[in-house]
Amino acid sequence: MVEYAQLERPQDAVKIEPAKRPDTGRVVSLDVLRGTVMVLMLNEATQLPKVAQSFPHSWFWSAIAFNTDHVAWQGCSLHDLIQPAFSFLVGAALPF
């Protein structure tokens, strides 16, 4: 947010710049993926597949139930990608 300080004459207005944050060296995309993986891991405690059983005709709850539980044998859901994403994060963070 840029603010202006007004002096006696308008042509003497001084532009005040906000202080810049120092570069932390963090990769924001890795932080976002890390947060997403943590939320997906937390979904294990919510037991959403059991909640979805109360709404058998809802496409929304069937999609939530599928993606928050492991696939029985063949295939892949979002829940099955937690461990590979976590391993990817470990490998991607090694150079830092």
Protein backbone atom coordinates (compact mmCIF):
# COMPACT_ATOMS: atom_id res chain seq x y z
CA MET A 1 0.00 0.00 0.00
CA VAL A 2 1.53 3.26 -1.10
CA GLU A 3 0.74 6.36 0.91
CA TYR A 4 1.51 9.97 0.19
CA ALA A 5 2.55 12.59 2.71
CA GLN A 6 1.33 16.03 1.75
CA LEU A 7 3.50 19.02 2.43
CA GLU A 8 2.56 22.67 2.04
CA ARG A 9 2.52 22.51 -1.75
CA PRO A 10 1.02 19.54 -3.72
CA GLN A 11 4.04 19.31 -6.02
CA ASP A 12 6.18 18.54 -2.96
CA ALA A 13 4.29 15.32 -2.14
CA VAL A 14 6.60 12.55 -0.93
CA LYS A 15 5.98 8.93 -1.87
CA ILE A 16 6.28 6.56 1.12
CA GLU A 17 7.12 2.96 0.19
CA PRO A 18 6.28 0.06 2.50
CA ALA A 19 9.20 -1.88 3.98
CA LYS A 20 10.20 -4.92 1.93
CA ARG A 21 10.36 -8.31 3.57
CA PRO A 22 13.72 -10.05 3.54
CA ASP A 23 14.04 -13.04 1.24
CA THR A 24 13.65 -16.17 3.38
CA GLY A 25 14.79 -18.58 0.68
CA ARG A 26 11.62 -20.69 1.00
CA VAL A 27 9.92 -22.18 -2.03
CA VAL A 28 6.25 -21.30 -1.72
CA SER A 29 5.07 -24.14 -3.97
CA LEU A 30 6.72 -26.71 -1.68
CA ASP A 31 5.07 -25.07 1.32
CA VAL A 32 1.67 -25.26 -0.38
CA LEU A 33 2.16 -28.93 -1.25
CA ARG A 34 3.33 -29.63 2.32
CA GLY A 35 0.19 -27.98 3.71
CA THR A 36 -2.03 -29.92 1.30
CA VAL A 37 -0.43 -33.20 2.34
CA MET A 38 -0.94 -32.33 6.00
CA VAL A 39 -4.63 -31.55 5.41
CA LEU A 40 -5.05 -34.85 3.56
CA MET A 41 -3.39 -36.67 6.44
CA LEU A 42 -5.73 -34.92 8.86
CA ASN A 43 -8.74 -36.16 6.85
CA GLU A 44 -7.96 -39.63 8.17
CA ALA A 45 -9.26 -38.51 11.57
CA THR A 46 -12.50 -37.02 10.19
CA GLN A 47 -13.74 -40.43 8.96
CA LEU A 48 -15.58 -38.85 6.02
CA PRO A 49 -16.27 -42.21 4.32
CA LYS A 50 -18.44 -43.16 7.32
CA VAL A 51 -20.24 -39.80 7.11
CA ALA A 52 -20.85 -40.36 3.40
CA GLN A 53 -22.72 -43.58 4.16
CA SER A 54 -25.51 -41.39 5.57
CA PHE A 55 -25.99 -39.81 2.12
CA PRO A 56 -26.05 -42.76 -0.32
CA HIS A 57 -27.61 -40.83 -3.24
CA SER A 58 -25.36 -37.76 -3.11
CA TRP A 59 -22.67 -37.55 -5.81
CA PHE A 60 -20.78 -35.02 -3.67
CA TRP A 61 -20.48 -37.34 -0.68
CA SER A 62 -19.65 -40.31 -2.88
CA ALA A 63 -16.75 -38.33 -4.39
CA ILE A 64 -15.59 -37.26 -0.92
CA ALA A 65 -15.82 -40.83 0.34
CA PHE A 66 -13.84 -42.19 -2.63
CA ASN A 67 -11.04 -39.63 -2.29
CA THR A 68 -10.63 -39.89 1.49
CA ASP A 69 -10.23 -43.66 1.67
CA HIS A 70 -7.89 -46.23 0.12
CA VAL A 71 -8.93 -48.01 -3.07
CA ALA A 72 -9.56 -51.67 -2.32
CA TRP A 73 -7.21 -53.23 -4.88
CA GLN A 74 -6.77 -51.59 -8.28
CA GLY A 75 -6.80 -47.88 -8.95
CA CYS A 76 -5.84 -44.76 -7.11
CA SER A 77 -7.62 -42.10 -5.09
CA LEU A 78 -6.39 -38.83 -3.65
CA HIS A 79 -5.83 -40.57 -0.32
CA ASP A 80 -3.47 -43.05 -1.99
CA LEU A 81 -1.22 -40.19 -3.13
CA ILE A 82 -0.35 -38.93 0.36
CA GLN A 83 2.73 -41.10 0.88
CA PRO A 84 4.19 -40.52 -2.63
CA ALA A 85 3.66 -36.76 -2.25
CA PHE A 86 5.36 -36.81 1.14
CA SER A 87 8.32 -38.73 -0.32
CA PHE A 88 8.50 -36.22 -3.17
CA LEU A 89 8.59 -33.37 -0.64
CA VAL A 90 11.49 -34.97 1.22
CA GLY A 91 13.46 -35.36 -2.00
CA ALA A 92 12.62 -31.88 -3.27
CA ALA A 93 13.65 -30.26 0.01
CA LEU A 94 17.04 -31.95 0.18
CA PRO A 95 18.93 -29.26 -1.81
CA PHE A 96 17.70 -26.59 0.58
